Amino acid sequence: MSALDKIKQFRDSRGWSNYKLAKESGIHEGTLNNLFRLNNQPTIPTLEAICKGLDISMSQFFADGDEAVPLNKEQREMLNIWNTLNKEQKTALLELLKTM
């Protein structure tokens, strides 16, 4: 899968437009649109900005499937809290997250 395909996948999974992704990433929407329109691969600084906007690490971006990736501080905190929940609480939390 190309970097552009992965960007689309992450963008679409959040229900974001190119405008929203550009705004969150701090890059010009035209830059992002040109990447897709011209089928250009992003530069490393652009990809870093996009990952920052998506709140993921570069290793998370390039990970395939079940490949282990390092968690950021917020993700570790969420996982620690998750581990303290009972089955019913976990089910309720998952349902809440699905509606967001």
PDB file of N, CA and C in Angstrom:
ATOM      1  N   MET A   1       0.847  -1.171   0.000  1.00  0.00           N
ATOM      2  CA  MET A   1       0.000   0.000   0.000  1.00  0.00           C
ATOM      3  C   MET A   1       0.898   1.241   0.000  1.00  0.00           C
ATOM      4  N   SER A   2       0.585   2.186  -0.851  1.00  0.00           N
ATOM      5  CA  SER A   2       1.389   3.405  -0.952  1.00  0.00           C
ATOM      6  C   SER A   2       1.113   4.322   0.242  1.00  0.00           C
ATOM      7  N   ALA A   3       1.998   5.279   0.436  1.00  0.00           N
ATOM      8  CA  ALA A   3       1.812   6.255   1.515  1.00  0.00           C
ATOM      9  C   ALA A   3       0.506   7.023   1.327  1.00  0.00           C
ATOM     10  N   LEU A   4       0.189   7.359   0.076  1.00  0.00           N
ATOM     11  CA  LEU A   4      -1.069   8.085  -0.182  1.00  0.00           C
ATOM     12  C   LEU A   4      -2.280   7.232   0.189  1.00  0.00           C
ATOM     13  N   ASP A   5      -2.221   5.951  -0.122  1.00  0.00           N
ATOM     14  CA  ASP A   5      -3.324   5.051   0.243  1.00  0.00           C
ATOM     15  C   ASP A   5      -3.481   4.975   1.759  1.00  0.00           C
ATOM     16  N   LYS A   6      -2.360   4.920   2.466  1.00  0.00           N
ATOM     17  CA  LYS A   6      -2.422   4.861   3.928  1.00  0.00           C
ATOM     18  C   LYS A   6      -2.964   6.167   4.501  1.00  0.00           C
ATOM     19  N   ILE A   7      -2.550   7.297   3.918  1.00  0.00           N
ATOM     20  CA  ILE A   7      -3.086   8.586   4.371  1.00  0.00           C
ATOM     21  C   ILE A   7      -4.599   8.605   4.175  1.00  0.00           C
ATOM     22  N   LYS A   8      -5.056   8.177   3.009  1.00  0.00           N
ATOM     23  CA  LYS A   8      -6.500   8.122   2.740  1.00  0.00           C
ATOM     24  C   LYS A   8      -7.200   7.229   3.753  1.00  0.00           C
ATOM     25  N   GLN A   9      -6.596   6.086   4.047  1.00  0.00           N
ATOM     26  CA  GLN A   9      -7.189   5.139   4.983  1.00  0.00           C
ATOM     27  C   GLN A   9      -7.338   5.765   6.373  1.00  0.00           C
ATOM     28  N   PHE A  10      -6.279   6.392   6.861  1.00  0.00           N
ATOM     29  CA  PHE A  10      -6.346   7.038   8.169  1.00  0.00           C
ATOM     30  C   PHE A  10      -7.335   8.206   8.146  1.00  0.00           C
ATOM     31  N   ARG A  11      -7.312   8.993   7.082  1.00  0.00           N
ATOM     32  CA  ARG A  11      -8.219  10.139   6.955  1.00  0.00           C
ATOM     33  C   ARG A  11      -9.673   9.668   6.944  1.00  0.00           C
ATOM     34  N   ASP A  12      -9.944   8.671   6.110  1.00  0.00           N
ATOM     35  CA  ASP A  12     -11.314   8.189   5.978  1.00  0.00           C
ATOM     36  C   ASP A  12     -11.820   7.499   7.239  1.00  0.00           C
ATOM     37  N   SER A  13     -10.930   6.814   7.955  1.00  0.00           N
ATOM     38  CA  SER A  13     -11.357   6.141   9.187  1.00  0.00           C
ATOM     39  C   SER A  13     -11.808   7.136  10.243  1.00  0.00           C
ATOM     40  N   ARG A  14     -11.338   8.370  10.121  1.00  0.00           N
ATOM     41  CA  ARG A  14     -11.750   9.426  11.049  1.00  0.00           C
ATOM     42  C   ARG A  14     -12.927  10.236  10.510  1.00  0.00           C
ATOM     43  N   GLY A  15     -13.306   9.968   9.269  1.00  0.00           N
ATOM     44  CA  GLY A  15     -14.390  10.723   8.654  1.00  0.00           C
ATOM     45  C   GLY A  15     -13.972  12.138   8.298  1.00  0.00           C
ATOM     46  N   TRP A  16     -12.676  12.332   8.055  1.00  0.00           N
ATOM     47  CA  TRP A  16     -12.145  13.661   7.775  1.00  0.00           C
ATOM     48  C   TRP A  16     -12.096  13.935   6.283  1.00  0.00           C
ATOM     49  N   SER A  17     -12.201  15.202   5.946  1.00  0.00           N
ATOM     50  CA  SER A  17     -11.966  15.674   4.582  1.00  0.00           C
ATOM     51  C   SER A  17     -10.486  16.045   4.464  1.00  0.00           C
ATOM     52  N   ASN A  18     -10.045  16.331   3.243  1.00  0.00           N
ATOM     53  CA  ASN A  18      -8.680  16.823   3.067  1.00  0.00           C
ATOM     54  C   ASN A  18      -8.491  18.142   3.808  1.00  0.00           C
ATOM     55  N   TYR A  19      -9.529  18.964   3.827  1.00  0.00           N
ATOM     56  CA  TYR A  19      -9.454  20.238   4.543  1.00  0.00           C
ATOM     57  C   TYR A  19      -9.165  20.006   6.021  1.00  0.00           C
ATOM     58  N   LYS A  20      -9.906  19.093   6.650  1.00  0.00           N
ATOM     59  CA  LYS A  20      -9.725  18.806   8.077  1.00  0.00           C
ATOM     60  C   LYS A  20      -8.335  18.238   8.333  1.00  0.00           C
ATOM     61  N   LEU A  21      -7.881  17.306   7.485  1.00  0.00           N
ATOM     62  CA  LEU A  21      -6.552  16.728   7.650  1.00  0.00           C
ATOM     63  C   LEU A  21      -5.475  17.804   7.516  1.00  0.00           C
ATOM     64  N   ALA A  22      -5.620  18.663   6.521  1.00  0.00           N
ATOM     65  CA  ALA A  22      -4.648  19.742   6.321  1.00  0.00           C
ATOM     66  C   ALA A  22      -4.633  20.676   7.531  1.00  0.00           C
ATOM     67  N   LYS A  23      -5.792  21.034   8.030  1.00  0.00           N
ATOM     68  CA  LYS A  23      -5.890  21.922   9.184  1.00  0.00           C
ATOM     69  C   LYS A  23      -5.248  21.295  10.411  1.00  0.00           C
ATOM     70  N   GLU A  24      -5.539  20.032  10.682  1.00  0.00           N
ATOM     71  CA  GLU A  24      -4.975  19.347  11.841  1.00  0.00           C
ATOM     72  C   GLU A  24      -3.467  19.152  11.703  1.00  0.00           C
ATOM     73  N   SER A  25      -3.000  19.037  10.462  1.00  0.00           N
ATOM     74  CA  SER A  25      -1.579  18.779  10.196  1.00  0.00           C
ATOM     75  C   SER A  25      -0.756  20.052  10.086  1.00  0.00           C
ATOM     76  N   GLY A  26      -1.433  21.182   9.929  1.00  0.00           N
ATOM     77  CA  GLY A  26      -0.711  22.441   9.782  1.00  0.00           C
ATOM     78  C   GLY A  26      -0.068  22.608   8.419  1.00  0.00           C
ATOM     79  N   ILE A  27      -0.630  21.959   7.418  1.00  0.00           N
ATOM     80  CA  ILE A  27      -0.129  22.125   6.050  1.00  0.00           C
ATOM     81  C   ILE A  27      -1.237  22.731   5.202  1.00  0.00           C
ATOM     82  N   HIS A  28      -0.866  23.311   4.078  1.00  0.00           N
ATOM     83  CA  HIS A  28      -1.866  23.902   3.191  1.00  0.00           C
ATOM     84  C   HIS A  28      -2.725  22.819   2.562  1.00  0.00           C
ATOM     85  N   GLU A  29      -4.013  23.104   2.481  1.00  0.00           N
ATOM     86  CA  GLU A  29      -4.923  22.147   1.849  1.00  0.00           C
ATOM     87  C   GLU A  29      -4.503  21.896   0.400  1.00  0.00           C
ATOM     88  N   GLY A  30      -4.021  22.934  -0.292  1.00  0.00           N
ATOM     89  CA  GLY A  30      -3.570  22.782  -1.668  1.00  0.00           C
ATOM     90  C   GLY A  30      -2.421  21.790  -1.793  1.00  0.00           C
ATOM     91  N   THR A  31      -1.526  21.809  -0.809  1.00  0.00           N
ATOM     92  CA  THR A  31      -0.412  20.854  -0.800  1.00  0.00           C
ATOM     93  C   THR A  31      -0.945  19.435  -0.725  1.00  0.00           C
ATOM     94  N   LEU A  32      -1.879  19.218   0.164  1.00  0.00           N
ATOM     95  CA  LEU A  32      -2.463  17.887   0.325  1.00  0.00           C
ATOM     96  C   LEU A  32      -3.243  17.471  -0.917  1.00  0.00           C
ATOM     97  N   ASN A  33      -4.047  18.389  -1.448  1.00  0.00           N
ATOM     98  CA  ASN A  33      -4.809  18.081  -2.660  1.00  0.00           C
ATOM     99  C   ASN A  33      -3.887  17.754  -3.826  1.00  0.00           C
ATOM    100  N   ASN A  34      -2.774  18.493  -3.938  1.00  0.00           N
ATOM    101  CA  ASN A  34      -1.818  18.226  -5.019  1.00  0.00           C
ATOM    102  C   ASN A  34      -1.186  16.845  -4.889  1.00  0.00           C
ATOM    103  N   LEU A  35      -0.911  16.418  -3.669  1.00  0.00           N
ATOM    104  CA  LEU A  35      -0.365  15.075  -3.479  1.00  0.00           C
ATOM    105  C   LEU A  35      -1.290  14.035  -4.097  1.00  0.00           C
ATOM    106  N   PHE A  36      -2.574  14.147  -3.789  1.00  0.00           N
ATOM    107  CA  PHE A  36      -3.538  13.168  -4.293  1.00  0.00           C
ATOM    108  C   PHE A  36      -3.797  13.347  -5.789  1.00  0.00           C
ATOM    109  N   ARG A  37      -3.941  14.590  -6.228  1.00  0.00           N
ATOM    110  CA  ARG A  37      -4.261  14.853  -7.632  1.00  0.00           C
ATOM    111  C   ARG A  37      -3.132  14.401  -8.549  1.00  0.00           C
ATOM    112  N   LEU A  38      -1.894  14.674  -8.134  1.00  0.00           N
ATOM    113  CA  LEU A  38      -0.738  14.335  -8.969  1.00  0.00           C
ATOM    114  C   LEU A  38      -0.155  12.964  -8.624  1.00  0.00           C
ATOM    115  N   ASN A  39      -0.748  12.299  -7.641  1.00  0.00           N
ATOM    116  CA  ASN A  39      -0.291  10.988  -7.190  1.00  0.00           C
ATOM    117  C   ASN A  39       1.179  11.029  -6.770  1.00  0.00           C
ATOM    118  N   ASN A  40       1.571  12.127  -6.097  1.00  0.00           N
ATOM    119  CA  ASN A  40       2.937  12.284  -5.590  1.00  0.00           C
ATOM    120  C   ASN A  40       3.028  11.713  -4.183  1.00  0.00           C
ATOM    121  N   GLN A  41       4.178  11.171  -3.859  1.00  0.00           N
ATOM    122  CA  GLN A  41       4.406  10.704  -2.497  1.00  0.00           C
ATOM    123  C   GLN A  41       4.844  11.894  -1.644  1.00  0.00           C
ATOM    124  N   PRO A  42       4.387  11.961  -0.397  1.00  0.00           N
ATOM    125  CA  PRO A  42       4.751  13.093   0.458  1.00  0.00           C
ATOM    126  C   PRO A  42       6.228  13.044   0.851  1.00  0.00           C
ATOM    127  N   THR A  43       6.783  14.212   1.093  1.00  0.00           N
ATOM    128  CA  THR A  43       8.136  14.278   1.620  1.00  0.00           C
ATOM    129  C   THR A  43       8.090  13.833   3.086  1.00  0.00           C
ATOM    130  N   ILE A  44       9.247  13.546   3.641  1.00  0.00           N
ATOM    131  CA  ILE A  44       9.296  13.144   5.051  1.00  0.00           C
ATOM    132  C   ILE A  44       8.728  14.235   5.962  1.00  0.00           C
ATOM    133  N   PRO A  45       9.105  15.518   5.789  1.00  0.00           N
ATOM    134  CA  PRO A  45       8.514  16.546   6.661  1.00  0.00           C
ATOM    135  C   PRO A  45       6.984  16.647   6.519  1.00  0.00           C
ATOM    136  N   THR A  46       6.490  16.492   5.292  1.00  0.00           N
ATOM    137  CA  THR A  46       5.037  16.534   5.094  1.00  0.00           C
ATOM    138  C   THR A  46       4.380  15.335   5.760  1.00  0.00           C
ATOM    139  N   LEU A  47       4.981  14.164   5.611  1.00  0.00           N
ATOM    140  CA  LEU A  47       4.427  12.966   6.233  1.00  0.00           C
ATOM    141  C   LEU A  47       4.475  13.073   7.761  1.00  0.00           C
ATOM    142  N   GLU A  48       5.537  13.639   8.291  1.00  0.00           N
ATOM    143  CA  GLU A  48       5.618  13.860   9.738  1.00  0.00           C
ATOM    144  C   GLU A  48       4.499  14.778  10.213  1.00  0.00           C
ATOM    145  N   ALA A  49       4.222  15.832   9.457  1.00  0.00           N
ATOM    146  CA  ALA A  49       3.143  16.764   9.812  1.00  0.00           C
ATOM    147  C   ALA A  49       1.789  16.060   9.751  1.00  0.00           C
ATOM    148  N   ILE A  50       1.589  15.240   8.730  1.00  0.00           N
ATOM    149  CA  ILE A  50       0.327  14.503   8.595  1.00  0.00           C
ATOM    150  C   ILE A  50       0.156  13.540   9.759  1.00  0.00           C
ATOM    151  N   CYS A  51       1.215  12.824  10.108  1.00  0.00           N
ATOM    152  CA  CYS A  51       1.138  11.899  11.245  1.00  0.00           C
ATOM    153  C   CYS A  51       0.825  12.645  12.537  1.00  0.00           C
ATOM    154  N   LYS A  52       1.456  13.799  12.703  1.00  0.00           N
ATOM    155  CA  LYS A  52       1.179  14.608  13.893  1.00  0.00           C
ATOM    156  C   LYS A  52      -0.295  15.022  13.907  1.00  0.00           C
ATOM    157  N   GLY A  53      -0.807  15.437  12.748  1.00  0.00           N
ATOM    158  CA  GLY A  53      -2.215  15.815  12.654  1.00  0.00           C
ATOM    159  C   GLY A  53      -3.154  14.653  12.934  1.00  0.00           C
ATOM    160  N   LEU A  54      -2.744  13.462  12.543  1.00  0.00           N
ATOM    161  CA  LEU A  54      -3.537  12.253  12.795  1.00  0.00           C
ATOM    162  C   LEU A  54      -3.336  11.719  14.210  1.00  0.00           C
ATOM    163  N   ASP A  55      -2.383  12.308  14.930  1.00  0.00           N
ATOM    164  CA  ASP A  55      -2.008  11.886  16.289  1.00  0.00           C
ATOM    165  C   ASP A  55      -1.526  10.438  16.306  1.00  0.00           C
ATOM    166  N   ILE A  56      -0.666  10.126  15.328  1.00  0.00           N
ATOM    167  CA  ILE A  56      -0.034   8.812  15.277  1.00  0.00           C
ATOM    168  C   ILE A  56       1.463   9.016  15.057  1.00  0.00           C
ATOM    169  N   SER A  57       2.234   8.006  15.394  1.00  0.00           N
ATOM    170  CA  SER A  57       3.671   8.066  15.156  1.00  0.00           C
ATOM    171  C   SER A  57       3.961   7.587  13.740  1.00  0.00           C
ATOM    172  N   MET A  58       5.154   7.867  13.282  1.00  0.00           N
ATOM    173  CA  MET A  58       5.565   7.374  11.961  1.00  0.00           C
ATOM    174  C   MET A  58       5.578   5.845  11.958  1.00  0.00           C
ATOM    175  N   SER A  59       5.980   5.235  13.067  1.00  0.00           N
ATOM    176  CA  SER A  59       5.992   3.772  13.115  1.00  0.00           C
ATOM    177  C   SER A  59       4.578   3.218  13.036  1.00  0.00           C
ATOM    178  N   GLN A  60       3.615   3.901  13.644  1.00  0.00           N
ATOM    179  CA  GLN A  60       2.219   3.470  13.520  1.00  0.00           C
ATOM    180  C   GLN A  60       1.744   3.617  12.079  1.00  0.00           C
ATOM    181  N   PHE A  61       2.177   4.677  11.425  1.00  0.00           N
ATOM    182  CA  PHE A  61       1.786   4.899  10.037  1.00  0.00           C
ATOM    183  C   PHE A  61       2.272   3.759   9.146  1.00  0.00           C
ATOM    184  N   PHE A  62       3.512   3.327   9.346  1.00  0.00           N
ATOM    185  CA  PHE A  62       4.103   2.313   8.477  1.00  0.00           C
ATOM    186  C   PHE A  62       3.858   0.879   8.946  1.00  0.00           C
ATOM    187  N   ALA A  63       3.253   0.692  10.116  1.00  0.00           N
ATOM    188  CA  ALA A  63       3.006  -0.656  10.626  1.00  0.00           C
ATOM    189  C   ALA A  63       1.996  -1.387   9.753  1.00  0.00           C
ATOM    190  N   ASP A  64       2.212  -2.669   9.604  1.00  0.00           N
ATOM    191  CA  ASP A  64       1.299  -3.520   8.847  1.00  0.00           C
ATOM    192  C   ASP A  64       0.542  -4.436   9.800  1.00  0.00           C
ATOM    193  N   GLY A  65      -0.778  -4.404   9.705  1.00  0.00           N
ATOM    194  CA  GLY A  65      -1.609  -5.347  10.442  1.00  0.00           C
ATOM    195  C   GLY A  65      -1.349  -5.384  11.929  1.00  0.00           C
ATOM    196  N   ASP A  66      -0.970  -6.554  12.430  1.00  0.00           N
ATOM    197  CA  ASP A  66      -0.795  -6.777  13.859  1.00  0.00           C
ATOM    198  C   ASP A  66       0.620  -6.495  14.342  1.00  0.00           C
ATOM    199  N   GLU A  67       1.390  -5.813  13.528  1.00  0.00           N
ATOM    200  CA  GLU A  67       2.761  -5.487  13.897  1.00  0.00           C
ATOM    201  C   GLU A  67       2.772  -4.590  15.135  1.00  0.00           C
ATOM    202  N   ALA A  68       3.634  -4.903  16.083  1.00  0.00           N
ATOM    203  CA  ALA A  68       3.726  -4.122  17.314  1.00  0.00           C
ATOM    204  C   ALA A  68       4.293  -2.736  17.019  1.00  0.00           C
ATOM    205  N   VAL A  69       3.669  -1.734  17.616  1.00  0.00           N
ATOM    206  CA  VAL A  69       4.162  -0.366  17.478  1.00  0.00           C
ATOM    207  C   VAL A  69       4.216   0.263  18.867  1.00  0.00           C
ATOM    208  N   PRO A  70       5.131   1.187  19.076  1.00  0.00           N
ATOM    209  CA  PRO A  70       5.195   1.846  20.384  1.00  0.00           C
ATOM    210  C   PRO A  70       3.970   2.729  20.604  1.00  0.00           C
ATOM    211  N   LEU A  71       3.515   2.779  21.835  1.00  0.00           N
ATOM    212  CA  LEU A  71       2.367   3.603  22.184  1.00  0.00           C
ATOM    213  C   LEU A  71       2.835   4.943  22.721  1.00  0.00           C
ATOM    214  N   ASN A  72       2.045   5.991  22.414  1.00  0.00           N
ATOM    215  CA  ASN A  72       2.366   7.284  23.013  1.00  0.00           C
ATOM    216  C   ASN A  72       1.801   7.319  24.438  1.00  0.00           C
ATOM    217  N   LYS A  73       2.078   8.388  25.145  1.00  0.00           N
ATOM    218  CA  LYS A  73       1.680   8.500  26.553  1.00  0.00           C
ATOM    219  C   LYS A  73       0.170   8.347  26.737  1.00  0.00           C
ATOM    220  N   GLU A  74      -0.611   9.013  25.899  1.00  0.00           N
ATOM    221  CA  GLU A  74      -2.073   8.934  26.017  1.00  0.00           C
ATOM    222  C   GLU A  74      -2.577   7.517  25.752  1.00  0.00           C
ATOM    223  N   GLN A  75      -1.993   6.847  24.762  1.00  0.00           N
ATOM    224  CA  GLN A  75      -2.414   5.485  24.441  1.00  0.00           C
ATOM    225  C   GLN A  75      -2.086   4.527  25.592  1.00  0.00           C
ATOM    226  N   ARG A  76      -0.907   4.699  26.199  1.00  0.00           N
ATOM    227  CA  ARG A  76      -0.547   3.851  27.349  1.00  0.00           C
ATOM    228  C   ARG A  76      -1.508   4.098  28.503  1.00  0.00           C
ATOM    229  N   GLU A  77      -1.859   5.365  28.731  1.00  0.00           N
ATOM    230  CA  GLU A  77      -2.793   5.683  29.807  1.00  0.00           C
ATOM    231  C   GLU A  77      -4.150   5.048  29.553  1.00  0.00           C
ATOM    232  N   MET A  78      -4.632   5.126  28.320  1.00  0.00           N
ATOM    233  CA  MET A  78      -5.922   4.515  27.985  1.00  0.00           C
ATOM    234  C   MET A  78      -5.872   2.999  28.180  1.00  0.00           C
ATOM    235  N   LEU A  79      -4.783   2.376  27.769  1.00  0.00           N
ATOM    236  CA  LEU A  79      -4.644   0.935  27.928  1.00  0.00           C
ATOM    237  C   LEU A  79      -4.598   0.549  29.406  1.00  0.00           C
ATOM    238  N   ASN A  80      -3.905   1.342  30.209  1.00  0.00           N
ATOM    239  CA  ASN A  80      -3.865   1.071  31.652  1.00  0.00           C
ATOM    240  C   ASN A  80      -5.254   1.174  32.270  1.00  0.00           C
ATOM    241  N   ILE A  81      -6.012   2.180  31.882  1.00  0.00           N
ATOM    242  CA  ILE A  81      -7.384   2.325  32.389  1.00  0.00           C
ATOM    243  C   ILE A  81      -8.238   1.157  31.907  1.00  0.00           C
ATOM    244  N   TRP A  82      -8.097   0.804  30.625  1.00  0.00           N
ATOM    245  CA  TRP A  82      -8.853  -0.308  30.048  1.00  0.00           C
ATOM    246  C   TRP A  82      -8.650  -1.585  30.874  1.00  0.00           C
ATOM    247  N   ASN A  83      -7.413  -1.811  31.278  1.00  0.00           N
ATOM    248  CA  ASN A  83      -7.097  -3.031  32.020  1.00  0.00           C
ATOM    249  C   ASN A  83      -7.731  -3.078  33.401  1.00  0.00           C
ATOM    250  N   THR A  84      -8.217  -1.948  33.908  1.00  0.00           N
ATOM    251  CA  THR A  84      -8.869  -1.929  35.224  1.00  0.00           C
ATOM    252  C   THR A  84     -10.387  -2.124  35.118  1.00  0.00           C
ATOM    253  N   LEU A  85     -10.930  -2.094  33.889  1.00  0.00           N
ATOM    254  CA  LEU A  85     -12.374  -2.186  33.703  1.00  0.00           C
ATOM    255  C   LEU A  85     -12.852  -3.629  33.738  1.00  0.00           C
ATOM    256  N   ASN A  86     -14.108  -3.811  34.191  1.00  0.00           N
ATOM    257  CA  ASN A  86     -14.699  -5.149  34.120  1.00  0.00           C
ATOM    258  C   ASN A  86     -15.305  -5.341  32.729  1.00  0.00           C
ATOM    259  N   LYS A  87     -15.820  -6.523  32.466  1.00  0.00           N
ATOM    260  CA  LYS A  87     -16.317  -6.864  31.128  1.00  0.00           C
ATOM    261  C   LYS A  87     -17.444  -5.925  30.683  1.00  0.00           C
ATOM    262  N   GLU A  88     -18.371  -5.626  31.561  1.00  0.00           N
ATOM    263  CA  GLU A  88     -19.488  -4.761  31.217  1.00  0.00           C
ATOM    264  C   GLU A  88     -19.013  -3.344  30.899  1.00  0.00           C
ATOM    265  N   GLN A  89     -18.064  -2.848  31.668  1.00  0.00           N
ATOM    266  CA  GLN A  89     -17.528  -1.515  31.426  1.00  0.00           C
ATOM    267  C   GLN A  89     -16.788  -1.455  30.094  1.00  0.00           C
ATOM    268  N   LYS A  90     -16.041  -2.501  29.788  1.00  0.00           N
ATOM    269  CA  LYS A  90     -15.333  -2.552  28.510  1.00  0.00           C
ATOM    270  C   LYS A  90     -16.324  -2.545  27.350  1.00  0.00           C
ATOM    271  N   THR A  91     -17.383  -3.317  27.472  1.00  0.00           N
ATOM    272  CA  THR A  91     -18.404  -3.364  26.424  1.00  0.00           C
ATOM    273  C   THR A  91     -19.051  -1.996  26.250  1.00  0.00           C
ATOM    274  N   ALA A  92     -19.395  -1.353  27.357  1.00  0.00           N
ATOM    275  CA  ALA A  92     -20.019  -0.026  27.299  1.00  0.00           C
ATOM    276  C   ALA A  92     -19.071   0.996  26.678  1.00  0.00           C
ATOM    277  N   LEU A  93     -17.805   0.953  27.049  1.00  0.00           N
ATOM    278  CA  LEU A  93     -16.825   1.888  26.500  1.00  0.00           C
ATOM    279  C   LEU A  93     -16.644   1.683  25.005  1.00  0.00           C
ATOM    280  N   LEU A  94     -16.571   0.433  24.568  1.00  0.00           N
ATOM    281  CA  LEU A  94     -16.441   0.156  23.143  1.00  0.00           C
ATOM    282  C   LEU A  94     -17.640   0.686  22.363  1.00  0.00           C
ATOM    283  N   GLU A  95     -18.834   0.502  22.906  1.00  0.00           N
ATOM    284  CA  GLU A  95     -20.034   1.019  22.236  1.00  0.00           C
ATOM    285  C   GLU A  95     -20.010   2.533  22.174  1.00  0.00           C
ATOM    286  N   LEU A  96     -19.570   3.184  23.250  1.00  0.00           N
ATOM    287  CA  LEU A  96     -19.451   4.639  23.251  1.00  0.00           C
ATOM    288  C   LEU A  96     -18.457   5.099  22.200  1.00  0.00           C
ATOM    289  N   LEU A  97     -17.305   4.466  22.138  1.00  0.00           N
ATOM    290  CA  LEU A  97     -16.283   4.850  21.158  1.00  0.00           C
ATOM    291  C   LEU A  97     -16.770   4.672  19.735  1.00  0.00           C
ATOM    292  N   LYS A  98     -17.556   3.669  19.477  1.00  0.00           N
ATOM    293  CA  LYS A  98     -18.082   3.423  18.132  1.00  0.00           C
ATOM    294  C   LYS A  98     -19.040   4.512  17.692  1.00  0.00           C
ATOM    295  N   THR A  99     -19.669   5.201  18.642  1.00  0.00           N
ATOM    296  CA  THR A  99     -20.620   6.258  18.284  1.00  0.00           C
ATOM    297  C   THR A  99     -19.943   7.602  18.078  1.00  0.00           C
ATOM    298  N   MET A 100     -18.668   7.705  18.398  1.00  0.00           N
ATOM    299  CA  MET A 100     -17.956   8.985  18.288  1.00  0.00           C
ATOM    300  C   MET A 100     -17.472   9.228  16.880  1.00  0.00           C
TER     301      MET A 100
END
